[in-house]
Each structure stands twice: as C-alpha cells, then as structure tokens.
Amino acid sequence: MKRFLKTCLLLVLMAAMALGLCPGTVVAEDAPIEVSIWYSDNPTLPFMDSWLALNTTAEIAGLDVTVEAIPSTDFATRVSPALNTGMNLPDVILYQNTQGENASLALNGRIVPISDYSEWTPHFNAMVEKLGLQEEVDQLKLQDGKRYFMPQLFDKPFYDGGLIMRQDYLEQKGFDAPKTFDDLYEILKAYKEDYPDSYPLTHLVAPYVTYRMTMPSWGVSFGKSSSSGTGALSYDYEKGEYFTGAISDQAREYLRFIHKLYAEGLLDPEQAAPIDNDTWATKMATGASMATYAYYDQIGGVEHASEIEGFKLQMYPSLEGPAGAHHQPKSKTGKGILFPIETASRPDFEQLVRAIDEMFFSEECSTIWCLGVEGVTYTMDGDTIVYPEEITSSPDGIYKTLQVKYGCGADPLQLVWINEREMTKYDENYAQINKTVAAMEGGNVIQSIPPTPLFDDWTAEDANSLQTPLADSIWIWMDAFVTGAKSLETDWDEYVNEMKALQIDELCALYNEHLPK
C-alpha cells in the first residue's frame, strides 16, 4: 500500500507538470528566483545569513535565497519525514547523498533524478571533467542508472581533522608524539594523575565525531555517522564486501577501549548531543581536557583563548590500532545537493536548477566559496593568493576566519574542493601533517567511502525498513556499553541476539547481493 500511494503521488505530480507546470516553462527574468534551502547547521560554525560568500554567489546566480539552518544533530530527523510525506519541504536540501533511506526514497519517486537534466547543469559537468571525476560520479548512480544528487567534488581527499592534543604537555612530560592508541592511553592517564579533576579526552559536537575518526583503526565503522550510512554494517576493504560490523569482535574490542577510557575518568562523561562548541573550547583552553578529535582550523581559536602559559596544540596523524592506522573514510565525492520531487513542479524548475548549478559549481562561484571575493578577502600577486593582514593576523587562523566571518569553507555550502587552493589557507605545519599521513599505510590511511549497493525501489525500501530500527537500537546499546550501564562481558550476547532478531544478517546479505560488480 505504501508503494502504491507513492506511485499515485508521482503520477499526479507528473500530470500536473504536463498540464502547464512543466520544467522549462519560461518565466520572467527581471527578478531573482526565490529558493528555499535546508542547511545542516554545525555548532562549530553557526550559520549567518550575512555571509559574503552566500550573498555574493546568490547574486551572481540570480537567486533570492532563504536558508533554514537546522541543527546538525536534528537534520536527519527533519529531512526523513519531510521527504517521505512531501510536506513542509524546501526547494533544495544540502548535505545529502543517496545512501541508506534516501536510496529508497529516490527509487520510489520522492527525489528528482538530477542526472536526467544534465543539460541544465553545465557547470557541474565541466567541474567533474576538469577534476577527472566522471568515474566517481557515475558510481553514485542507483540501480535504475540515475543519479539523484549533485555531490561535493574533491580533487583529492585531505586530512583536515584528527587527534588534537596539548603539545606543550607532551614536551613537558617527555612524551613522544603518539603513534598508537596505547600511546594515547598512557598520555591521558598521566594527565589524569597530574590533574585529577580533569577529563583528558573530550568530544567535539557529539561522541560520534570521535567514533567516526577512530573506529577505522579497529577495522569497523558503525553507529551514527558510520561510513556505510547504515549504522550497522562495516566494509571489509580486503574482501570487498560488507559485514555485520556492529556485532563483530572488532566492534567489541573498540568499545572495550572506549569504555576503559570512560571508566577510568579519561573520557569526558558529557555524551549528550549536541555539545556546545563554546563549552568544548573552554574545556580545552582551561586544561579541563587536553585531547580531542576535532579539526585543524579550530586550533588557533582555542590557543588564543587559553591563559595557560606556553599552551600549544598540535594535530597528530592517525593512530595505529588493531587494523592499522586509519581515519574516517572519505571519497572524491561527498554529500551535496538534492531536489525533492515537489520542486520539479515549479514552472521555473529549469531556471532554478541552472541557477543552483551556477551558484555552487561555476568557476567563479566555487572560487568564492573557497577564497571569498577578490579585493575583499584576498588579492592575486601573479599566480599567488595573498590574504590581507586582518585575516593572516587573526588568532583563529586564515581558514577559520574565512569560515566564520565570510562563510568560505562551510562544508554544506562549498561543493568544490581543490587541494592546492585549500592549502593556501593553512600553515606549513598542516601541510607537513598531510604529507606524513599520505606516506602512512601505503597512502591508505584515508580509505574510500564503501560502495553503495544497487538496489531497486522494492529492495531499497526493504533495506531501509531493516536499517532504521537496527541503527536506533545500536546507538542505545553503544552508549550503554561505553558508560557501563551494560557490560561488554555479560550483556554482549543479549545485544548480539537483539541485533540478529532485528535482522542484521539479512541487511548484510542484501547489501552484498547488490554490490556493483
């Protein structure tokens, strides 16, 4: 019945379009096109509608943009019911892909198959060709051969966040830079002994930020923000197949390590998301904590805020765990723009798509999203990008200043990332860290995002019906294991049995059966 109603809705919509609301209908061009956008708002970078990058690119593209900034921790719970019901939707949703539930929604007619309108996205097409990403973009097509979103484009993934610690403390105590998670444990333990009231390791935004950056060194990724998008399954890169990561031995060992940190007072007990960014920064700046998993561009602001003499932070390469030294998987494509199917009923749908394409993917606008406006946030000396003194002298550093003040480099909004251009916003230390990471694990510290199975609409809906209760239950159990409310020794079998009752094995079989050949 659910599928039948969706099909009927799509047919009604198509009929309406045929009766005069067809994409491509000519509309007046003397006024900006009004467009509503949903934005995933991260507390480390609060959205501002005054951002120079936002307003300049919108003006260039001829758009009158209304952005609704939704807290990142609530974003999925806003997007899912809206796409399912077709109610209270914006014209455009940012920071989306077609993993998990969105695959089912796409194949059931709830999302515009944007690849059907490739002639309306010339800037996106040109950027894909320029960066040599056609193969990667083609891999985003679903079982029906269509692509339903316009992804972020990266010429190469880079190590922009990881373990950040008090380098001054390490030097004071004679610690070498940590190489393994055992090294990290010893450093945290020493700090706790020196400062008994501290919680040496703290979370940015939510525990899942720490988890997604550290789990890969155990060979898994599960829970919220997992690389598979399922919350339950992990990907075996050697075998080229999915496995039930959330109930694996690797998962149990990972949770043992995190629980040990929690039980010994080495991990901040504040677990409820979202964790206020000012609270996080204050903990680091005052010494209430000395380590965190966060992003390099945040170092300058914390250092500037600290009144501790000699206070200095450093970001370290990925630590080695049982499965090697790995980091949060990335791809040369990332989350991007999708259009709810209702947007296709607008009489100016073609003009809207063309304008969105220009706003985010044109050479001019993609440069603005990275660097800002020439003459305001930077100038050119030949081929060299030169930033003004007010930006280079900012205690937050170039990257963070451009983000916070101008909106440049805001992840959901910047959709073209060119490494050489990005590196101009960082210092030599950051470049050296990236060079070190690139030389580790045969250049495979940052593994690729696992492949998306090619589900048809029926199978996608079946997979989603399995995935949602699994993901919800896994997250509850994870928190219980970490805090000790449940025992990894005496309650593990109950957890595994519950996941099996929720058909985690069936979900895994579905994913593997439909992997691209």
Protein backbone atom coordinates (compact mmCIF):
# COMPACT_ATOMS: atom_id res chain seq x y z
CA MET A 1 0.00 0.00 0.00
CA LYS A 2 2.84 2.38 0.86
CA ARG A 3 4.47 1.83 -2.52
CA PHE A 4 1.09 2.18 -4.28
CA LEU A 5 0.42 5.55 -2.66
CA LYS A 6 3.90 6.78 -3.58
CA THR A 7 3.35 5.72 -7.18
CA CYS A 8 -0.01 7.50 -7.29
CA LEU A 9 1.53 10.66 -5.85
CA LEU A 10 4.23 10.63 -8.50
CA LEU A 11 1.67 10.12 -11.30
CA VAL A 12 -0.44 13.02 -10.02
CA LEU A 13 2.63 15.23 -9.89
CA MET A 14 3.64 14.27 -13.42
CA ALA A 15 0.13 15.01 -14.65
CA ALA A 16 0.21 18.43 -13.02
CA MET A 17 3.50 19.16 -14.71
CA ALA A 18 2.06 18.11 -18.07
CA LEU A 19 -0.89 20.48 -17.64
CA GLY A 20 1.21 23.59 -17.50
CA LEU A 21 3.75 23.25 -14.74
CA CYS A 22 6.38 21.59 -16.90
CA PRO A 23 10.05 22.16 -16.15
CA GLY A 24 11.43 24.64 -18.60
CA THR A 25 8.40 26.93 -18.69
CA VAL A 26 9.62 30.44 -19.42
CA VAL A 27 9.22 32.85 -16.52
CA ALA A 28 10.14 36.49 -16.02
CA GLU A 29 13.87 37.01 -15.79
CA ASP A 30 13.89 40.53 -14.36
CA ALA A 31 13.68 39.37 -10.74
CA PRO A 32 15.78 36.91 -8.72
CA ILE A 33 14.45 33.38 -8.47
CA GLU A 34 13.21 32.67 -4.96
CA VAL A 35 14.55 29.45 -3.48
CA SER A 36 14.29 27.86 -0.04
CA ILE A 37 17.19 25.76 1.21
CA TRP A 38 17.71 23.50 4.21
CA TYR A 39 21.18 23.71 5.73
CA SER A 40 22.78 21.36 8.30
CA ASP A 41 24.00 23.80 10.95
CA ASN A 42 27.10 22.71 12.86
CA PRO A 43 27.58 24.38 16.27
CA THR A 44 31.29 24.82 15.49
CA LEU A 45 30.30 27.07 12.58
CA PRO A 46 26.93 28.72 13.24
CA PHE A 47 25.17 29.78 10.05
CA MET A 48 24.87 33.51 9.30
CA ASP A 49 22.69 34.86 6.50
CA SER A 50 25.11 37.80 6.22
CA TRP A 51 27.98 35.64 4.91
CA LEU A 52 29.75 37.29 1.99
CA ALA A 53 30.18 34.02 0.09
CA LEU A 54 26.48 33.17 0.37
CA ASN A 55 25.17 36.53 -0.73
CA THR A 56 27.70 37.11 -3.50
CA THR A 57 27.18 33.71 -5.13
CA ALA A 58 23.40 34.03 -4.83
CA GLU A 59 23.53 37.43 -6.54
CA ILE A 60 25.74 36.10 -9.34
CA ALA A 61 23.33 33.20 -9.91
CA GLY A 62 20.25 35.43 -9.77
CA LEU A 63 18.77 33.80 -6.69
CA ASP A 64 16.87 35.16 -3.71
CA VAL A 65 17.87 32.57 -1.13
CA THR A 66 16.08 31.75 2.11
CA VAL A 67 18.11 29.35 4.25
CA GLU A 68 16.68 27.43 7.18
CA ALA A 69 19.57 26.41 9.41
CA ILE A 70 18.66 23.16 11.17
CA PRO A 71 20.95 21.85 13.95
CA SER A 72 23.13 19.10 12.50
CA THR A 73 22.07 16.71 15.26
CA ASP A 74 18.41 17.12 14.22
CA PHE A 75 18.93 17.33 10.47
CA ALA A 76 18.23 13.70 9.57
CA THR A 77 15.07 13.63 11.67
CA ARG A 78 13.78 16.71 9.82
CA VAL A 79 14.74 15.56 6.33
CA SER A 80 13.43 11.99 6.55
CA PRO A 81 9.75 12.63 7.39
CA ALA A 82 9.60 15.62 5.04
CA LEU A 83 10.86 13.60 2.08
CA ASN A 84 8.62 10.67 2.98
CA THR A 85 5.45 12.73 3.23
CA GLY A 86 6.18 15.55 0.80
CA MET A 87 5.10 18.05 3.45
CA ASN A 88 6.90 21.20 4.62
CA LEU A 89 9.74 20.71 2.16
CA PRO A 90 12.21 23.30 0.87
CA ASP A 91 13.16 23.57 -2.79
CA VAL A 92 16.70 22.35 -2.13
CA ILE A 93 18.27 20.22 0.60
CA LEU A 94 22.02 20.47 1.17
CA TYR A 95 24.45 17.91 2.61
CA GLN A 96 22.64 14.86 1.23
CA ASN A 97 23.50 11.68 -0.63
CA THR A 98 21.61 8.54 -1.63
CA GLN A 99 22.96 6.13 0.92
CA GLY A 100 20.54 4.42 3.29
CA GLU A 101 16.96 5.65 3.34
CA ASN A 102 17.46 8.22 0.59
CA ALA A 103 18.11 5.42 -1.92
CA SER A 104 14.66 4.02 -1.22
CA LEU A 105 13.09 7.47 -1.37
CA ALA A 106 14.80 8.20 -4.68
CA LEU A 107 13.74 4.95 -6.29
CA ASN A 108 10.19 5.49 -5.04
CA GLY A 109 9.93 8.85 -6.77
CA ARG A 110 10.49 11.23 -3.87
CA ILE A 111 13.71 12.84 -5.19
CA VAL A 112 14.45 14.42 -8.57
CA PRO A 113 16.74 12.23 -10.74
CA ILE A 114 19.05 15.15 -11.46
CA SER A 115 21.12 13.18 -13.97
CA ASP A 116 18.06 13.30 -16.26
CA TYR A 117 18.63 17.05 -16.51
CA SER A 118 22.36 17.08 -17.19
CA GLU A 119 21.96 19.71 -19.90
CA TRP A 120 20.80 22.07 -17.14
CA THR A 121 23.96 21.54 -15.04
CA PRO A 122 26.79 22.66 -17.36
CA HIS A 123 28.96 24.00 -14.54
CA PHE A 124 28.75 20.76 -12.58
CA ASN A 125 29.53 18.77 -15.72
CA ALA A 126 32.55 20.94 -16.53
CA MET A 127 33.92 20.71 -12.99
CA VAL A 128 33.57 16.92 -12.98
CA GLU A 129 35.53 16.79 -16.23
CA LYS A 130 38.16 19.27 -15.01
CA LEU A 131 38.85 17.25 -11.86
CA GLY A 132 38.72 13.91 -13.68
CA LEU A 133 35.89 12.59 -11.52
CA GLN A 134 33.48 11.16 -14.08
CA GLU A 135 34.03 7.57 -12.92
CA GLU A 136 33.49 8.52 -9.26
CA VAL A 137 30.34 10.47 -10.10
CA ASP A 138 28.98 7.62 -12.21
CA GLN A 139 29.37 5.32 -9.21
CA LEU A 140 26.73 7.39 -7.42
CA LYS A 141 24.02 6.17 -9.79
CA LEU A 142 21.41 3.89 -8.31
CA GLN A 143 20.11 0.61 -9.70
CA ASP A 144 17.96 2.43 -12.26
CA GLY A 145 21.05 4.08 -13.75
CA LYS A 146 20.13 7.53 -12.46
CA ARG A 147 21.93 9.88 -10.06
CA TYR A 148 19.75 11.78 -7.60
CA PHE A 149 22.08 14.41 -6.13
CA MET A 150 24.90 16.75 -7.11
CA PRO A 151 27.83 15.75 -4.90
CA GLN A 152 30.72 17.69 -3.44
CA LEU A 153 33.77 17.31 -5.65
CA PHE A 154 37.33 16.85 -4.33
CA ASP A 155 40.43 16.58 -6.48
CA LYS A 156 42.00 14.63 -3.60
CA PRO A 157 40.89 13.85 -0.02
CA PHE A 158 42.92 15.52 2.71
CA TYR A 159 43.43 15.06 6.43
CA ASP A 160 41.62 18.07 7.86
CA GLY A 161 40.81 16.72 11.31
CA GLY A 162 42.03 14.14 13.78
CA LEU A 163 43.61 13.83 17.22
CA ILE A 164 44.44 17.26 18.67
CA MET A 165 46.40 17.37 21.92
CA ARG A 166 48.37 19.66 24.21
CA GLN A 167 51.82 19.55 22.65
CA ASP A 168 53.19 21.66 25.50
CA TYR A 169 52.14 18.97 27.98
CA LEU A 170 53.79 16.22 25.94
CA GLU A 171 57.02 18.20 25.79
CA GLN A 172 56.87 19.00 29.50
CA LYS A 173 56.44 15.32 30.42
CA GLY A 174 58.88 13.99 27.83
CA PHE A 175 56.29 12.09 25.78
CA ASP A 176 56.97 11.39 22.13
CA ALA A 177 54.21 12.09 19.64
CA PRO A 178 51.67 9.25 19.97
CA LYS A 179 51.75 6.57 17.29
CA THR A 180 49.26 4.07 18.73
CA PHE A 181 46.12 4.10 20.84
CA ASP A 182 48.18 2.55 23.64
CA ASP A 183 50.38 5.65 23.48
CA LEU A 184 47.27 7.83 23.70
CA TYR A 185 46.04 5.90 26.73
CA GLU A 186 49.34 6.41 28.57
CA ILE A 187 49.30 10.16 27.87
CA LEU A 188 45.69 10.55 29.01
CA LYS A 189 46.43 8.52 32.13
CA ALA A 190 49.42 10.69 33.01
CA TYR A 191 47.38 13.86 32.57
CA LYS A 192 44.63 12.48 34.82
CA GLU A 193 47.22 11.74 37.50
CA ASP A 194 48.57 15.28 37.27
CA TYR A 195 45.12 16.87 37.12
CA PRO A 196 42.66 14.56 38.96
CA ASP A 197 39.65 16.79 38.30
CA SER A 198 40.18 16.71 34.55
CA TYR A 199 38.64 14.54 31.84
CA PRO A 200 41.61 14.41 29.47
CA LEU A 201 39.74 13.41 26.27
CA THR A 202 36.63 15.38 25.33
CA HIS A 203 34.18 15.27 22.43
CA LEU A 204 33.53 17.89 19.77
CA VAL A 205 29.79 18.24 18.98
CA ALA A 206 28.95 14.63 19.90
CA PRO A 207 30.61 11.27 20.64
CA TYR A 208 30.07 10.14 17.05
CA VAL A 209 32.73 12.63 15.87
CA THR A 210 35.30 10.80 18.00
CA TYR A 211 33.96 7.40 16.96
CA ARG A 212 33.96 8.00 13.21
CA MET A 213 37.58 9.19 13.31
CA THR A 214 38.87 6.31 15.46
CA MET A 215 36.80 3.20 14.61
CA PRO A 216 38.58 2.57 11.28
CA SER A 217 41.78 1.69 13.18
CA TRP A 218 39.81 -1.28 14.55
CA GLY A 219 38.53 -2.12 11.06
CA VAL A 220 34.93 -1.04 11.68
CA SER A 221 32.58 1.90 11.28
CA PHE A 222 29.14 1.69 12.91
CA GLY A 223 26.66 3.79 14.83
CA LYS A 224 25.72 7.35 13.92
CA SER A 225 27.74 8.84 11.06
CA SER A 226 29.05 5.42 10.01
CA SER A 227 30.77 5.27 6.64
CA SER A 228 28.22 2.81 5.21
CA GLY A 229 25.30 5.05 6.14
CA THR A 230 23.55 2.09 7.77
CA GLY A 231 24.73 2.41 11.36
CA ALA A 232 25.00 -1.38 11.43
CA LEU A 233 27.28 -2.63 8.66
CA SER A 234 31.01 -2.13 8.08
CA TYR A 235 33.02 -2.73 4.93
CA ASP A 236 35.91 -5.18 4.56
CA TYR A 237 38.27 -3.45 2.12
CA GLU A 238 40.35 -6.58 1.50
CA LYS A 239 37.40 -8.84 0.74
CA GLY A 240 35.36 -6.14 -0.96
CA GLU A 241 32.19 -6.92 0.97
CA TYR A 242 30.08 -5.75 3.88
CA PHE A 243 29.98 -7.50 7.25
CA THR A 244 27.93 -7.10 10.42
CA GLY A 245 30.37 -4.63 11.93
CA ALA A 246 28.22 -3.54 14.85
CA ILE A 247 28.24 -7.05 16.38
CA SER A 248 31.74 -8.07 15.30
CA ASP A 249 34.70 -8.90 17.53
CA GLN A 250 36.33 -5.71 16.25
CA ALA A 251 33.38 -3.66 17.50
CA ARG A 252 33.55 -5.32 20.89
CA GLU A 253 37.27 -4.59 21.20
CA TYR A 254 36.75 -0.99 20.15
CA LEU A 255 34.00 -0.50 22.73
CA ARG A 256 36.23 -2.11 25.36
CA PHE A 257 38.86 0.55 24.71
CA ILE A 258 36.38 3.43 24.82
CA HIS A 259 34.73 2.04 27.96
CA LYS A 260 38.14 1.75 29.64
CA LEU A 261 38.73 5.44 28.99
CA TYR A 262 35.29 6.27 30.37
CA ALA A 263 35.59 4.03 33.45
CA GLU A 264 38.99 5.47 34.39
CA GLY A 265 37.82 9.05 34.07
CA LEU A 266 39.91 9.65 30.96
CA LEU A 267 36.91 10.34 28.69
CA ASP A 268 34.54 13.24 29.23
CA PRO A 269 31.23 11.86 30.59
CA GLU A 270 29.28 14.54 28.72
CA GLN A 271 27.81 12.39 25.94
CA ALA A 272 24.51 14.04 25.02
CA ALA A 273 24.50 15.73 21.62
CA PRO A 274 24.82 18.46 20.65
CA ILE A 275 27.74 19.50 22.84
CA ASP A 276 28.01 23.28 22.83
CA ASN A 277 31.06 24.47 20.90
CA ASP A 278 31.93 27.14 23.46
CA THR A 279 31.81 24.53 26.21
CA TRP A 280 34.15 22.27 24.21
CA ALA A 281 36.56 25.13 23.51
CA THR A 282 36.56 26.22 27.15
CA LYS A 283 37.38 22.71 28.35
CA MET A 284 40.38 22.58 26.03
CA ALA A 285 41.54 26.15 26.71
CA THR A 286 41.38 25.84 30.51
CA GLY A 287 43.01 22.42 30.75
CA ALA A 288 39.84 20.66 31.90
CA SER A 289 40.67 18.46 28.91
CA MET A 290 43.88 18.10 26.93
CA ALA A 291 42.87 15.99 23.92
CA THR A 292 40.02 15.85 21.44
CA TYR A 293 39.13 14.67 17.97
CA ALA A 294 38.43 17.85 16.04
CA TYR A 295 39.59 19.93 13.08
CA TYR A 296 42.87 21.69 12.48
CA ASP A 297 41.25 25.05 11.79
CA GLN A 298 39.93 25.13 15.37
CA ILE A 299 43.38 25.11 16.95
CA GLY A 300 44.07 28.84 16.64
CA GLY A 301 40.92 29.96 18.41
CA VAL A 302 41.46 27.63 21.38
CA GLU A 303 45.12 28.63 21.71
CA HIS A 304 44.17 32.31 21.65
CA ALA A 305 41.51 31.80 24.33
CA SER A 306 43.81 29.94 26.72
CA GLU A 307 45.52 31.76 29.57
CA ILE A 308 47.81 28.81 30.33
CA GLU A 309 51.43 29.83 29.88
CA GLY A 310 53.05 28.05 26.94
CA PHE A 311 49.75 26.47 25.86
CA LYS A 312 50.17 24.84 22.44
CA LEU A 313 48.00 22.41 20.49
CA GLN A 314 49.05 20.05 17.72
CA MET A 315 47.14 17.73 15.39
CA TYR A 316 48.64 14.27 15.03
CA PRO A 317 48.44 11.69 12.24
CA SER A 318 46.05 8.76 12.65
CA LEU A 319 46.94 6.39 15.47
CA GLU A 320 47.55 2.71 14.90
CA GLY A 321 45.01 0.25 16.24
CA PRO A 322 44.46 -3.48 15.69
CA ALA A 323 43.61 -2.90 12.00
CA GLY A 324 46.34 -0.35 11.31
CA ALA A 325 46.36 3.45 11.28
CA HIS A 326 43.20 4.60 9.54
CA HIS A 327 40.94 7.61 9.61
CA GLN A 328 37.36 8.44 8.76
CA PRO A 329 36.78 7.21 5.18
CA LYS A 330 36.42 9.86 2.52
CA SER A 331 35.82 9.98 -1.16
CA LYS A 332 36.46 12.30 -4.07
CA THR A 333 32.73 12.88 -3.95
CA GLY A 334 30.78 13.88 -0.87
CA LYS A 335 27.34 14.91 0.30
CA GLY A 336 25.72 17.54 -1.85
CA ILE A 337 22.51 18.96 -3.30
CA LEU A 338 19.22 17.17 -3.87
CA PHE A 339 15.88 18.44 -5.08
CA PRO A 340 12.69 17.00 -3.55
CA ILE A 341 10.37 15.81 -6.32
CA GLU A 342 7.91 18.61 -5.45
CA THR A 343 10.49 21.14 -6.66
CA ALA A 344 10.12 19.75 -10.18
CA SER A 345 6.55 21.10 -10.30
CA ARG A 346 7.78 24.70 -10.18
CA PRO A 347 7.17 26.48 -13.51
CA ASP A 348 10.73 27.81 -13.31
CA PHE A 349 12.31 24.46 -12.43
CA GLU A 350 14.83 24.61 -15.27
CA GLN A 351 15.89 28.14 -14.36
CA LEU A 352 16.19 27.12 -10.71
CA VAL A 353 18.40 24.12 -11.47
CA ARG A 354 20.60 26.20 -13.76
CA ALA A 355 20.94 28.89 -11.09
CA ILE A 356 21.80 26.41 -8.34
CA ASP A 357 24.35 24.83 -10.68
CA GLU A 358 25.97 28.23 -11.21
CA MET A 359 25.84 29.24 -7.53
CA PHE A 360 27.75 26.19 -6.35
CA PHE A 361 29.73 24.73 -9.26
CA SER A 362 30.76 27.53 -11.63
CA GLU A 363 34.44 28.53 -11.68
CA GLU A 364 33.59 31.98 -10.35
CA CYS A 365 31.30 30.90 -7.54
CA SER A 366 33.28 27.83 -6.47
CA THR A 367 36.31 30.12 -6.07
CA ILE A 368 34.25 32.47 -3.91
CA TRP A 369 33.10 29.58 -1.70
CA CYS A 370 36.77 28.77 -1.09
CA LEU A 371 38.55 32.14 -1.02
CA GLY A 372 35.88 34.80 -0.80
CA VAL A 373 35.77 37.87 -3.04
CA GLU A 374 38.91 39.13 -4.71
CA GLY A 375 39.79 42.57 -3.36
CA VAL A 376 37.97 41.89 -0.10
CA THR A 377 39.27 38.63 1.38
CA TYR A 378 42.28 38.15 -0.91
CA THR A 379 44.25 39.60 -3.81
CA MET A 380 46.37 38.00 -6.50
CA ASP A 381 50.10 38.62 -6.91
CA GLY A 382 50.63 36.90 -10.22
CA ASP A 383 49.56 33.32 -9.54
CA THR A 384 49.94 33.70 -5.76
CA ILE A 385 46.94 34.14 -3.47
CA VAL A 386 47.58 36.87 -0.90
CA TYR A 387 45.36 37.30 2.15
CA PRO A 388 45.04 40.69 3.89
CA GLU A 389 46.72 41.34 7.22
CA GLU A 390 43.43 41.36 9.12
CA ILE A 391 42.91 37.73 8.08
CA THR A 392 46.50 36.47 8.37
CA SER A 393 46.87 38.01 11.83
CA SER A 394 43.59 36.62 13.14
CA PRO A 395 44.13 34.34 16.15
CA ASP A 396 41.67 31.90 14.58
CA GLY A 397 43.91 31.45 11.55
CA ILE A 398 43.09 32.04 7.88
CA TYR A 399 40.82 29.04 7.34
CA LYS A 400 38.62 29.51 10.39
CA THR A 401 38.40 33.27 9.92
CA LEU A 402 37.22 32.84 6.34
CA GLN A 403 34.69 30.25 7.55
CA VAL A 404 33.22 32.13 10.49
CA LYS A 405 33.29 35.67 9.11
CA TYR A 406 32.64 35.11 5.42
CA GLY A 407 31.15 31.60 5.04
CA CYS A 408 34.04 30.34 2.91
CA GLY A 409 34.75 26.65 3.51
CA ALA A 410 31.41 25.95 5.19
CA ASP A 411 31.12 22.23 4.48
CA PRO A 412 27.47 22.00 3.34
CA LEU A 413 27.90 25.07 1.10
CA GLN A 414 31.32 24.65 -0.50
CA LEU A 415 30.91 21.91 -3.08
CA VAL A 416 34.22 22.16 -4.98
CA TRP A 417 37.42 21.44 -3.04
CA ILE A 418 40.77 21.83 -4.80
CA ASN A 419 43.64 20.78 -2.56
CA GLU A 420 46.24 23.26 -3.79
CA ARG A 421 43.85 26.14 -3.26
CA GLU A 422 42.77 24.88 0.16
CA MET A 423 46.37 24.58 1.36
CA THR A 424 46.89 28.34 0.94
CA LYS A 425 44.63 28.79 3.96
CA TYR A 426 46.80 26.66 6.23
CA ASP A 427 50.34 26.83 7.59
CA GLU A 428 53.41 24.72 6.83
CA ASN A 429 52.71 22.55 9.87
CA TYR A 430 49.39 21.44 8.39
CA ALA A 431 50.99 20.69 5.04
CA GLN A 432 53.62 18.54 6.79
CA ILE A 433 50.96 16.61 8.72
CA ASN A 434 49.18 15.83 5.46
CA LYS A 435 52.48 14.77 3.89
CA THR A 436 53.12 12.41 6.81
CA VAL A 437 49.62 10.92 6.61
CA ALA A 438 49.95 10.43 2.85
CA ALA A 439 53.12 8.35 3.42
CA MET A 440 51.50 6.03 6.01
CA GLU A 441 49.75 2.70 5.31
CA GLY A 442 50.81 2.80 1.68
CA GLY A 443 48.86 6.01 1.20
CA ASN A 444 45.72 4.31 2.50
CA VAL A 445 45.15 5.96 5.88
CA ILE A 446 42.04 7.64 4.48
CA GLN A 447 40.11 4.80 2.87
CA SER A 448 37.37 5.37 0.34
CA ILE A 449 33.70 5.51 1.24
CA PRO A 450 32.23 1.99 0.86
CA PRO A 451 30.35 1.34 -2.39
CA THR A 452 26.62 1.91 -2.49
CA PRO A 453 24.55 -1.20 -3.33
CA LEU A 454 22.47 -1.00 -6.49
CA PHE A 455 19.02 -1.57 -5.00
CA ASP A 456 15.83 -1.38 -7.00
CA ASP A 457 12.96 0.51 -5.36
CA TRP A 458 11.49 -2.60 -3.71
CA THR A 459 14.81 -3.76 -2.27
CA ALA A 460 15.79 -0.25 -1.19
CA GLU A 461 12.59 0.02 0.82
CA ASP A 462 13.17 -3.41 2.33
CA ALA A 463 16.74 -2.44 3.28
CA ASN A 464 15.56 0.81 4.84
CA SER A 465 12.88 -0.96 6.88
CA LEU A 466 15.63 -3.15 8.34
CA GLN A 467 18.20 -0.41 8.76
CA THR A 468 16.23 2.13 10.79
CA PRO A 469 15.37 0.01 13.86
CA LEU A 470 18.86 -1.51 13.80
CA ALA A 471 20.58 1.88 13.80
CA ASP A 472 18.38 3.19 16.61
CA SER A 473 18.96 0.15 18.80
CA ILE A 474 22.70 0.00 18.13
CA TRP A 475 23.17 3.61 19.24
CA ILE A 476 21.34 2.94 22.53
CA TRP A 477 23.48 -0.13 23.20
CA MET A 478 26.69 1.69 22.27
CA ASP A 479 26.03 4.37 24.85
CA ALA A 480 25.22 1.72 27.45
CA PHE A 481 28.44 -0.20 26.75
CA VAL A 482 30.59 2.93 26.87
CA THR A 483 29.12 4.21 30.13
CA GLY A 484 29.00 0.79 31.77
CA ALA A 485 25.22 0.65 32.04
CA LYS A 486 25.62 -2.60 30.09
CA SER A 487 28.56 -4.99 30.37
CA LEU A 488 30.63 -5.99 27.37
CA GLU A 489 31.24 -9.29 29.15
CA THR A 490 27.83 -10.34 30.45
CA ASP A 491 25.44 -8.42 28.17
CA TRP A 492 27.19 -8.77 24.81
CA ASP A 493 25.34 -11.94 23.80
CA GLU A 494 22.00 -10.30 24.57
CA TYR A 495 22.99 -7.37 22.36
CA VAL A 496 24.06 -9.64 19.50
CA ASN A 497 20.86 -11.65 19.76
CA GLU A 498 18.77 -8.48 19.67
CA MET A 499 20.56 -7.30 16.52
CA LYS A 500 20.05 -10.70 14.92
CA ALA A 501 16.38 -10.56 15.83
CA LEU A 502 16.29 -7.18 14.09
CA GLN A 503 17.73 -8.99 11.04
CA ILE A 504 21.21 -7.52 10.83
CA ASP A 505 22.34 -10.62 8.91
CA GLU A 506 19.55 -10.15 6.38
CA LEU A 507 20.53 -6.50 5.91
CA CYS A 508 24.14 -7.51 5.33
CA ALA A 509 23.11 -10.14 2.78
CA LEU A 510 21.00 -7.58 0.92
CA TYR A 511 23.92 -5.15 0.72
CA ASN A 512 26.39 -7.75 -0.52
CA GLU A 513 23.95 -9.23 -3.02
CA HIS A 514 23.51 -5.83 -4.67
CA LEU A 515 27.08 -4.52 -4.65
CA PRO A 516 28.25 -3.14 -8.01
CA LYS A 517 30.06 -5.87 -9.95
